[in-house]
């Protein structure tokens, strides 16, 4: 096609002429008995606007750009801070999502940290003086939502199994420790 070629798309309601400069001109007919010369609308589009913005990096890489490291980037013996929402459960076991960012230590409230240990596992520890925040139990209880909810939205989601939390290997013992430490609970476990 030469630069002066046009393509016409027409219907009974409008006509569109597109030339190679990607400048469609849409002609709209006049309706009714009134005299009219014609109405037209010109829309200028450049070729880059004809497709959506290309996300040519992975979701994991975008999180690394924004936060620095992902939980799964760490190796055995490495430690980092983690948010309680980065946990999930499956088959009555607790897991830490690898495809989530590490976080900064908070000095004004409780922070959870983890250490990567052998066998694709992590050990969780409470940081900061947690006795100053005994009314903030949500900061020390990891999320227990089913992992399948996160797997629907996070491609290639991977996990570390949680070996222990503050030295305890099951939730009942961990909650008992928190209760003894003075944390306020809304109900007791039976």
Foldseek 3Di string as FASTA:
>chain_A
DDQPDWDWDDDPAWIWIAGPQRKIKIWGADDDDDDDDGDIDTDHDGPVVVDDDDPPDAPLVVQCVVANAFQLVDDAFDKFWAFLAQWEDDPQFIKGKRSHHTDDDDAPAKIKMWGQHPPLAIEIEIDYDHLVPLAPVVRQHHDHHHCVVVCVPHPPIDIRTYCYHNPHRHDLVVVVVSVVSPRDDPDDDD
